[in-house]
Structure formats: structure tokens, C-alpha cells
């Protein structure tokens, strides 16, 4: 079954969807470019003492440094997920606003990190959250978009499930 793009059938304005995704990618790429210009690899800089610091690292694996050495597989998965999300946004059934925004965030974040994989061979990370002896793995704005997007998608699914449970059968 072939997907034939017909703008009159698009659920959302394709230009708005693409601009929103491009905006997330642009913010991510600009922040990484700044980190590469200003930071020295492995040399942390405290921003908020005991809570936030920036430290330039790269990651050829997945989230939180998992799956090191599988960057190619992760790149293919990120590309497929992004294409699937784009198809769902443009040709799928109407979604809750939180679902739509969440999917846009996930696609933008995945594509931002995908650009790094192709351009640099690894994802650039530079943000680190800390609390006492706990340190969250270093991440970037694309990762943040993916996490926020996932939260919004889960929220939309939870609301949908609750509404379905209330409906008479």
C-alpha cells in the first residue's frame, strides 16, 4: 500500500509540523555547536553549583551511554522512528494536542542526534545534572526533547485510556 501525499488529507498543516521539528533540530544543533566552541572535552564547568554543570563528551551508543559501538543500528532506528512519527502526524488520525507536541519533540530530538551521528560519528552531549552524590548521565537538548516528548505521549495515552474506561460499552 503506497502512501500518496494529498495535502487536503493531511491532519495537520505539514509546514507547521516540519517547522516545529526543524526548530527543535536547530536549537539542538546550535547548542552543540556552542558547546564544541566553548568547552574542552572532559573539563566540567559549574553552572549551578552542585546541580548543573556542562562538560563536553561524545557518545556513539544510545541513551545514557548504553549500547556503545552500535551507533549505526541506532541511527537506522532513529531514522525509521522519525519517518514513522512524521507519517503518523501528517496522515494518521487526529491526536490530542499533548500527543502531537510529544511526537514532534521525539522526532526533532531523534533527528538532532541523527545529524550528529552522520556529521561527527557520535552524538555530542554536554549537560550534566547532579544532586549530592548522584550524577545523571551527560545529555543534550535533543535528549531533553525526546524525554519531554515521551512524557507528553504517555500523558496523552493515559488520558485516552481513562476516557475509554469511562465510556459505556
C-alpha atoms as a PDB file:
ATOM      1  CA  UNK A   1       0.000   0.000   0.000  1.00  0.00           C
ATOM      2  CA  UNK A   2       1.613   3.241  -1.129  1.00  0.00           C
ATOM      3  CA  UNK A   3       1.304   6.491   0.768  1.00  0.00           C
ATOM      4  CA  UNK A   4       0.134   9.188  -1.592  1.00  0.00           C
ATOM      5  CA  UNK A   5       0.606  12.640  -0.141  1.00  0.00           C
ATOM      6  CA  UNK A   6      -2.514  14.659  -0.535  1.00  0.00           C
ATOM      7  CA  UNK A   7      -2.363  17.988   1.340  1.00  0.00           C
ATOM      8  CA  UNK A   8      -6.150  18.058   1.683  1.00  0.00           C
ATOM      9  CA  UNK A   9      -5.965  14.757   3.643  1.00  0.00           C
ATOM     10  CA  UNK A  10      -3.181  15.872   5.972  1.00  0.00           C
ATOM     11  CA  UNK A  11      -4.445  16.021   9.534  1.00  0.00           C
ATOM     12  CA  UNK A  12      -2.055  18.815  10.498  1.00  0.00           C
ATOM     13  CA  UNK A  13      -0.580  21.595   8.466  1.00  0.00           C
ATOM     14  CA  UNK A  14       2.558  19.894   7.078  1.00  0.00           C
ATOM     15  CA  UNK A  15       4.520  23.141   7.086  1.00  0.00           C
ATOM     16  CA  UNK A  16       3.808  23.754  10.786  1.00  0.00           C
ATOM     17  CA  UNK A  17       4.845  20.212  11.688  1.00  0.00           C
ATOM     18  CA  UNK A  18       8.054  20.457   9.683  1.00  0.00           C
ATOM     19  CA  UNK A  19       8.861  23.919  11.077  1.00  0.00           C
ATOM     20  CA  UNK A  20       8.337  22.725  14.652  1.00  0.00           C
ATOM     21  CA  UNK A  21      10.601  19.717  14.102  1.00  0.00           C
ATOM     22  CA  UNK A  22      13.171  21.933  12.348  1.00  0.00           C
ATOM     23  CA  UNK A  23      13.054  24.364  15.278  1.00  0.00           C
ATOM     24  CA  UNK A  24      13.922  21.606  17.744  1.00  0.00           C
ATOM     25  CA  UNK A  25      16.730  20.403  15.475  1.00  0.00           C
ATOM     26  CA  UNK A  26      18.063  23.966  15.109  1.00  0.00           C
ATOM     27  CA  UNK A  27      18.097  24.609  18.871  1.00  0.00           C
ATOM     28  CA  UNK A  28      19.855  21.308  19.435  1.00  0.00           C
ATOM     29  CA  UNK A  29      22.468  21.853  16.732  1.00  0.00           C
ATOM     30  CA  UNK A  30      23.193  25.458  17.774  1.00  0.00           C
ATOM     31  CA  UNK A  31      23.624  24.390  21.411  1.00  0.00           C
ATOM     32  CA  UNK A  32      26.028  21.620  20.361  1.00  0.00           C
ATOM     33  CA  UNK A  33      27.994  23.984  18.129  1.00  0.00           C
ATOM     34  CA  UNK A  34      28.349  26.405  21.044  1.00  0.00           C
ATOM     35  CA  UNK A  35      29.422  23.593  23.358  1.00  0.00           C
ATOM     36  CA  UNK A  36      32.050  22.495  20.829  1.00  0.00           C
ATOM     37  CA  UNK A  37      33.368  26.068  20.519  1.00  0.00           C
ATOM     38  CA  UNK A  38      33.476  26.878  24.238  1.00  0.00           C
ATOM     39  CA  UNK A  39      34.086  23.646  26.154  1.00  0.00           C
ATOM     40  CA  UNK A  40      37.147  21.424  26.424  1.00  0.00           C
ATOM     41  CA  UNK A  41      36.406  17.666  26.357  1.00  0.00           C
ATOM     42  CA  UNK A  42      36.190  16.197  29.855  1.00  0.00           C
ATOM     43  CA  UNK A  43      36.675  19.577  31.601  1.00  0.00           C
ATOM     44  CA  UNK A  44      33.482  20.327  33.564  1.00  0.00           C
ATOM     45  CA  UNK A  45      32.285  23.884  34.114  1.00  0.00           C
ATOM     46  CA  UNK A  46      29.929  24.510  37.053  1.00  0.00           C
ATOM     47  CA  UNK A  47      26.826  26.487  36.088  1.00  0.00           C
ATOM     48  CA  UNK A  48      24.733  25.968  39.246  1.00  0.00           C
ATOM     49  CA  UNK A  49      26.987  24.636  41.992  1.00  0.00           C
ATOM     50  CA  UNK A  50      26.019  21.107  42.991  1.00  0.00           C
ATOM     51  CA  UNK A  51      23.203  20.881  40.450  1.00  0.00           C
ATOM     52  CA  UNK A  52      24.130  21.714  36.840  1.00  0.00           C
ATOM     53  CA  UNK A  53      27.397  21.663  35.020  1.00  0.00           C
ATOM     54  CA  UNK A  54      28.422  21.489  31.397  1.00  0.00           C
ATOM     55  CA  UNK A  55      31.016  19.037  30.166  1.00  0.00           C
ATOM     56  CA  UNK A  56      31.744  18.168  26.548  1.00  0.00           C
ATOM     57  CA  UNK A  57      31.527  14.454  25.769  1.00  0.00           C
ATOM     58  CA  UNK A  58      30.547  12.320  22.805  1.00  0.00           C
ATOM     59  CA  UNK A  59      28.510   9.158  22.713  1.00  0.00           C
ATOM     60  CA  UNK A  60      28.462   6.662  19.855  1.00  0.00           C
ATOM     61  CA  UNK A  61      25.918   4.492  21.630  1.00  0.00           C
ATOM     62  CA  UNK A  62      22.384   5.072  22.780  1.00  0.00           C
ATOM     63  CA  UNK A  63      20.797   6.961  25.628  1.00  0.00           C
ATOM     64  CA  UNK A  64      22.879   7.167  28.802  1.00  0.00           C
ATOM     65  CA  UNK A  65      25.876   5.664  27.030  1.00  0.00           C
ATOM     66  CA  UNK A  66      24.212   2.278  26.584  1.00  0.00           C
ATOM     67  CA  UNK A  67      24.938   0.144  23.521  1.00  0.00           C
ATOM     68  CA  UNK A  68      28.368   1.633  22.741  1.00  0.00           C
ATOM     69  CA  UNK A  69      29.533   0.572  19.304  1.00  0.00           C
ATOM     70  CA  UNK A  70      26.015   0.188  17.935  1.00  0.00           C
ATOM     71  CA  UNK A  71      25.744   3.726  16.565  1.00  0.00           C
ATOM     72  CA  UNK A  72      24.845   2.509  13.060  1.00  0.00           C
ATOM     73  CA  UNK A  73      21.947   0.417  14.309  1.00  0.00           C
ATOM     74  CA  UNK A  74      20.760   3.273  16.493  1.00  0.00           C
ATOM     75  CA  UNK A  75      20.981   5.675  13.532  1.00  0.00           C
ATOM     76  CA  UNK A  76      18.794   3.402  11.391  1.00  0.00           C
ATOM     77  CA  UNK A  77      16.260   3.009  14.206  1.00  0.00           C
ATOM     78  CA  UNK A  78      16.177   6.790  14.799  1.00  0.00           C
ATOM     79  CA  UNK A  79      15.578   7.415  11.094  1.00  0.00           C
ATOM     80  CA  UNK A  80      12.782   4.824  10.923  1.00  0.00           C
ATOM     81  CA  UNK A  81      11.099   6.096  14.096  1.00  0.00           C
ATOM     82  CA  UNK A  82      11.279   9.682  12.835  1.00  0.00           C
ATOM     83  CA  UNK A  83       9.750   8.739   9.484  1.00  0.00           C
ATOM     84  CA  UNK A  84       7.022   6.761  11.235  1.00  0.00           C
ATOM     85  CA  UNK A  85       6.212   9.675  13.522  1.00  0.00           C
ATOM     86  CA  UNK A  86       6.133  12.099  10.610  1.00  0.00           C
ATOM     87  CA  UNK A  87       3.736   9.792   8.748  1.00  0.00           C
ATOM     88  CA  UNK A  88       1.515   9.482  11.807  1.00  0.00           C
ATOM     89  CA  UNK A  89       1.465  13.257  12.303  1.00  0.00           C
ATOM     90  CA  UNK A  90       0.634  14.022   8.686  1.00  0.00           C
ATOM     91  CA  UNK A  91      -1.634  11.125   7.691  1.00  0.00           C
ATOM     92  CA  UNK A  92      -2.742   9.444  10.891  1.00  0.00           C
ATOM     93  CA  UNK A  93      -5.901  10.021  12.863  1.00  0.00           C
ATOM     94  CA  UNK A  94      -6.266  13.301  14.752  1.00  0.00           C
ATOM     95  CA  UNK A  95      -4.397  13.259  18.056  1.00  0.00           C
ATOM     96  CA  UNK A  96      -4.640  15.120  21.331  1.00  0.00           C
ATOM     97  CA  UNK A  97      -2.534  18.266  21.414  1.00  0.00           C
ATOM     98  CA  UNK A  98      -0.215  16.670  24.006  1.00  0.00           C
ATOM     99  CA  UNK A  99       0.270  13.645  21.731  1.00  0.00           C
ATOM    100  CA  UNK A 100       1.012  15.844  18.719  1.00  0.00           C
ATOM    101  CA  UNK A 101       3.512  18.019  20.579  1.00  0.00           C
ATOM    102  CA  UNK A 102       5.094  14.941  22.125  1.00  0.00           C
ATOM    103  CA  UNK A 103       5.558  13.255  18.756  1.00  0.00           C
ATOM    104  CA  UNK A 104       7.043  16.441  17.294  1.00  0.00           C
ATOM    105  CA  UNK A 105       9.522  16.610  20.205  1.00  0.00           C
ATOM    106  CA  UNK A 106      10.533  12.966  19.790  1.00  0.00           C
ATOM    107  CA  UNK A 107      11.048  13.334  16.029  1.00  0.00           C
ATOM    108  CA  UNK A 108      13.014  16.587  16.416  1.00  0.00           C
ATOM    109  CA  UNK A 109      15.230  15.124  19.123  1.00  0.00           C
ATOM    110  CA  UNK A 110      15.852  11.887  17.250  1.00  0.00           C
ATOM    111  CA  UNK A 111      16.748  13.777  14.079  1.00  0.00           C
ATOM    112  CA  UNK A 112      19.009  16.192  16.005  1.00  0.00           C
ATOM    113  CA  UNK A 113      21.029  13.290  17.360  1.00  0.00           C
ATOM    114  CA  UNK A 114      20.924  11.559  13.977  1.00  0.00           C
ATOM    115  CA  UNK A 115      22.584  14.594  12.397  1.00  0.00           C
ATOM    116  CA  UNK A 116      25.414  14.249  14.924  1.00  0.00           C
ATOM    117  CA  UNK A 117      25.869  10.574  14.095  1.00  0.00           C
ATOM    118  CA  UNK A 118      26.261  11.341  10.404  1.00  0.00           C
ATOM    119  CA  UNK A 119      28.257  14.573  10.762  1.00  0.00           C
ATOM    120  CA  UNK A 120      30.531  13.614  13.669  1.00  0.00           C
ATOM    121  CA  UNK A 121      30.250   9.848  14.071  1.00  0.00           C
ATOM    122  CA  UNK A 122      28.860  10.289  17.599  1.00  0.00           C
ATOM    123  CA  UNK A 123      26.312  12.353  19.490  1.00  0.00           C
ATOM    124  CA  UNK A 124      27.599  15.464  21.277  1.00  0.00           C
ATOM    125  CA  UNK A 125      26.495  15.646  24.919  1.00  0.00           C
ATOM    126  CA  UNK A 126      27.267  18.471  27.327  1.00  0.00           C
ATOM    127  CA  UNK A 127      24.660  18.884  30.086  1.00  0.00           C
ATOM    128  CA  UNK A 128      25.003  17.125  33.433  1.00  0.00           C
ATOM    129  CA  UNK A 129      22.552  17.253  36.327  1.00  0.00           C
ATOM    130  CA  UNK A 130      23.826  16.396  39.791  1.00  0.00           C
ATOM    131  CA  UNK A 131      22.357  16.114  43.256  1.00  0.00           C
ATOM    132  CA  UNK A 132      24.616  15.274  46.192  1.00  0.00           C
ATOM    133  CA  UNK A 133      26.411  12.053  45.151  1.00  0.00           C
ATOM    134  CA  UNK A 134      24.037  11.335  42.264  1.00  0.00           C
ATOM    135  CA  UNK A 135      25.016  12.375  38.748  1.00  0.00           C
ATOM    136  CA  UNK A 136      22.695  11.958  35.775  1.00  0.00           C
ATOM    137  CA  UNK A 137      24.459  10.831  32.579  1.00  0.00           C
ATOM    138  CA  UNK A 138      25.566  13.722  30.357  1.00  0.00           C
ATOM    139  CA  UNK A 139      22.912  14.622  27.771  1.00  0.00           C
ATOM    140  CA  UNK A 140      21.915  17.308  25.245  1.00  0.00           C
ATOM    141  CA  UNK A 141      18.856  19.284  24.128  1.00  0.00           C
ATOM    142  CA  UNK A 142      17.801  16.574  21.656  1.00  0.00           C
ATOM    143  CA  UNK A 143      17.717  14.068  24.520  1.00  0.00           C
ATOM    144  CA  UNK A 144      15.665  16.565  26.532  1.00  0.00           C
ATOM    145  CA  UNK A 145      13.165  16.910  23.670  1.00  0.00           C
ATOM    146  CA  UNK A 146      12.870  13.120  23.426  1.00  0.00           C
ATOM    147  CA  UNK A 147      12.237  12.757  27.173  1.00  0.00           C
ATOM    148  CA  UNK A 148       9.685  15.600  27.250  1.00  0.00           C
ATOM    149  CA  UNK A 149       8.023  14.206  24.120  1.00  0.00           C
ATOM    150  CA  UNK A 150       7.826  10.726  25.610  1.00  0.00           C
ATOM    151  CA  UNK A 151       6.240  12.153  28.750  1.00  0.00           C
ATOM    152  CA  UNK A 152       3.640  14.010  26.691  1.00  0.00           C
ATOM    153  CA  UNK A 153       2.851  10.916  24.626  1.00  0.00           C
ATOM    154  CA  UNK A 154       2.444   8.813  27.789  1.00  0.00           C
ATOM    155  CA  UNK A 155       0.222  11.523  29.300  1.00  0.00           C
ATOM    156  CA  UNK A 156      -1.963  11.573  26.171  1.00  0.00           C
ATOM    157  CA  UNK A 157      -2.230   7.772  26.202  1.00  0.00           C
ATOM    158  CA  UNK A 158      -3.160   7.775  29.890  1.00  0.00           C
ATOM    159  CA  UNK A 159      -5.885  10.385  29.345  1.00  0.00           C
ATOM    160  CA  UNK A 160      -7.174   8.437  26.346  1.00  0.00           C
ATOM    161  CA  UNK A 161      -7.259   5.211  28.333  1.00  0.00           C
ATOM    162  CA  UNK A 162      -9.144   6.867  31.194  1.00  0.00           C
ATOM    163  CA  UNK A 163     -11.704   8.333  28.810  1.00  0.00           C
ATOM    164  CA  UNK A 164     -12.165   4.948  27.131  1.00  0.00           C
ATOM    165  CA  UNK A 165     -12.734   3.299  30.509  1.00  0.00           C
ATOM    166  CA  UNK A 166     -15.491   5.823  31.334  1.00  0.00           C
ATOM    167  CA  UNK A 167     -17.387   5.318  28.073  1.00  0.00           C
ATOM    168  CA  UNK A 168     -20.300   2.876  28.221  1.00  0.00           C
ATOM    169  CA  UNK A 169     -19.832  -0.292  26.229  1.00  0.00           C
END
